[in-house]
Each structure stands twice: as structure tokens, then as C-alpha cells.
Protein backbone atom coordinates (compact mmCIF):
# COMPACT_ATOMS: atom_id res chain seq x y z
CA MET A 1 -15.01 7.03 19.34
CA ARG A 2 -17.04 6.66 16.16
CA ASN A 3 -15.83 10.03 14.84
CA GLN A 4 -12.21 9.00 15.41
CA THR A 5 -12.79 5.76 13.50
CA MET A 6 -14.50 7.60 10.65
CA ARG A 7 -11.67 10.13 10.55
CA CYS A 8 -9.05 7.34 10.41
CA ARG A 9 -10.93 5.70 7.54
CA ARG A 10 -11.20 8.99 5.61
CA VAL A 11 -7.49 9.70 6.09
CA ALA A 12 -6.62 6.12 5.11
CA ASP A 13 -8.73 6.40 1.94
CA SER A 14 -7.05 9.69 1.03
CA LEU A 15 -3.62 8.16 1.59
CA ARG A 16 -4.51 5.14 -0.55
CA LYS A 17 -5.74 7.29 -3.42
CA GLU A 18 -2.73 9.62 -3.38
CA ILE A 19 -0.11 6.86 -3.06
CA SER A 20 -1.83 4.89 -5.84
CA SER A 21 -1.80 7.98 -8.02
CA MET A 22 1.91 8.60 -7.37
CA LEU A 23 2.78 5.03 -8.31
CA LEU A 24 0.50 4.95 -11.34
CA LEU A 25 1.89 8.21 -12.71
CA GLN A 26 5.43 7.00 -11.96
CA GLU A 27 6.22 9.98 -9.76
CA VAL A 28 8.30 7.64 -7.61
CA LYS A 29 11.46 7.18 -9.65
CA ASP A 30 12.84 4.04 -8.00
CA PRO A 31 13.32 1.47 -10.81
CA ARG A 32 12.56 -1.41 -8.43
CA ILE A 33 8.94 -0.29 -8.11
CA SER A 34 6.75 -1.45 -10.97
CA PHE A 35 3.15 -2.62 -11.35
CA VAL A 36 2.34 -2.17 -7.67
CA THR A 37 -1.31 -1.97 -6.64
CA ILE A 38 -2.20 -0.38 -3.33
CA ILE A 39 -4.95 -2.51 -1.81
CA ASP A 40 -5.64 -0.76 1.48
CA VAL A 41 -4.23 1.60 4.10
CA ALA A 42 -4.82 1.28 7.83
CA VAL A 43 -4.07 4.29 10.06
CA THR A 44 -3.55 4.10 13.82
CA PRO A 45 -5.96 6.18 15.95
CA ASP A 46 -3.18 8.65 16.84
CA MET A 47 -2.43 9.16 13.10
CA ARG A 48 1.27 8.48 13.61
CA ARG A 49 1.54 5.24 11.63
CA ALA A 50 -0.02 3.92 8.43
CA GLU A 51 0.21 0.35 7.18
CA VAL A 52 0.10 0.43 3.39
CA TYR A 53 -0.99 -2.93 1.96
CA TYR A 54 0.05 -3.59 -1.61
CA THR A 55 0.13 -6.43 -4.09
CA VAL A 56 2.17 -7.14 -7.18
CA HIS A 57 2.38 -10.05 -9.57
CA ALA A 58 5.99 -11.10 -9.02
CA THR A 59 8.22 -13.84 -7.63
CA GLY A 60 9.57 -13.84 -4.09
CA ASP A 61 12.88 -12.19 -5.00
CA GLU A 62 11.13 -9.55 -7.09
CA ARG A 63 8.70 -8.88 -4.23
CA ARG A 64 11.62 -8.30 -1.86
CA GLU A 65 13.17 -5.83 -4.31
CA ILE A 66 9.88 -4.00 -4.70
CA LEU A 67 9.45 -3.81 -0.93
CA ALA A 68 12.98 -2.42 -0.61
CA GLY A 69 12.12 0.19 -3.26
CA LEU A 70 8.92 1.16 -1.49
CA GLN A 71 10.66 1.42 1.86
CA SER A 72 13.44 3.58 0.43
CA SER A 73 10.85 5.82 -1.25
CA ALA A 74 8.68 6.16 1.87
CA GLY A 75 10.23 9.52 2.82
CA PHE A 76 9.62 10.98 -0.63
CA ILE A 77 6.05 9.64 -0.70
CA ARG A 78 5.40 11.06 2.77
CA ARG A 79 6.72 14.50 1.77
CA GLU A 80 4.52 14.48 -1.34
CA LEU A 81 1.52 13.48 0.77
CA GLY A 82 2.27 16.44 3.03
CA LYS A 83 2.08 18.77 0.02
CA ARG A 84 -1.14 17.22 -1.33
CA LEU A 85 -3.15 16.52 1.80
CA HIS A 86 -3.94 19.21 4.33
CA LEU A 87 -3.34 17.20 7.49
CA LYS A 88 -1.73 18.24 10.75
CA ARG A 89 0.41 15.10 10.69
CA ILE A 90 1.31 12.74 7.85
CA PRO A 91 1.65 9.22 9.26
CA GLU A 92 4.88 7.25 9.03
CA LEU A 93 4.42 4.78 6.16
CA HIS A 94 5.04 1.05 6.56
CA PHE A 95 4.55 -1.12 3.48
CA ARG A 96 3.17 -4.65 3.82
CA TYR A 97 2.68 -7.19 1.06
CA ASP A 98 -0.96 -8.37 1.02
CA GLU A 99 -1.00 -12.12 0.55
CA ALA A 100 -4.78 -12.36 0.18
CA LEU A 101 -4.65 -12.51 -3.64
CA ASP A 102 -1.96 -15.19 -3.57
CA HIS A 103 -4.09 -17.18 -1.16
CA GLY A 104 -7.12 -16.77 -3.43
CA PHE A 105 -5.17 -17.93 -6.49
CA HIS A 106 -3.95 -20.96 -4.54
CA ILE A 107 -7.51 -21.88 -3.53
CA ASP A 108 -8.71 -21.45 -7.15
CA LYS A 109 -5.90 -23.72 -8.32
CA LEU A 110 -6.85 -26.39 -5.76
CA LEU A 111 -10.51 -26.20 -6.74
CA ALA A 112 -9.63 -26.48 -10.41
CA GLU A 113 -7.55 -29.58 -9.68
CA LEU A 114 -10.52 -31.15 -7.85
CA HIS A 115 -12.75 -30.65 -10.88
CA GLU A 116 -10.33 -32.26 -13.33
């Protein structure tokens, strides 16, 4: 069981690095995708699905557009991952906005208001 967990983590780390690189180098040509940071990737034990957690400094409408761009580019990203990573199976990618930073900013704002 431990080896499977370690393997999932290694694959997830490789996916995160490669997807981040693709977005940073603007290899994904969708104009809706800009300034996206990949926070984490979680892979299921059977390696069929990967949740890609990202964040971006944008409003709600802009976030929805970016998510639509990421979802429409998922096939391209997956094909590129297949070329770059030597894996038997490239997981299906599902993008999820990570609200942890927003939550942290909200808490910082509340704390700052308390100290005023």
C-alpha cells in the first residue's frame, strides 16, 4: 500500500511540474488562460483521474472563463503529458480552483480590521 501511495505522489508531482511548465511557457494557446498557478495535483490510486488544483488572482467571472479554458485545453495538456512522461496511462485531468489562498486573504483582512 505504501508503494502505491508513494507512486501516486511521484506521478502527481511530475504532473504538477509539467503542467506548470506548459502554462508558464504559454504552450497552451487558449487566450482565457493567464497567470494560473498550479498548486497541487492529486492522483487516484488506479491512475485514471487527476485533480489539478490551481489558483489565479481574478474575479469570479474571470475565474469561470479560466476554468473553461483549462477544461477545453485538458485534452491537449494530456497529450503533451503523454509525450513528456513515460507512463503507461496518463490520468484524465479535472481542474479545481483552490480556494485556500482566498480564505487566507479573508482571514488576514479580518485580523487587520481587528487591529485597527
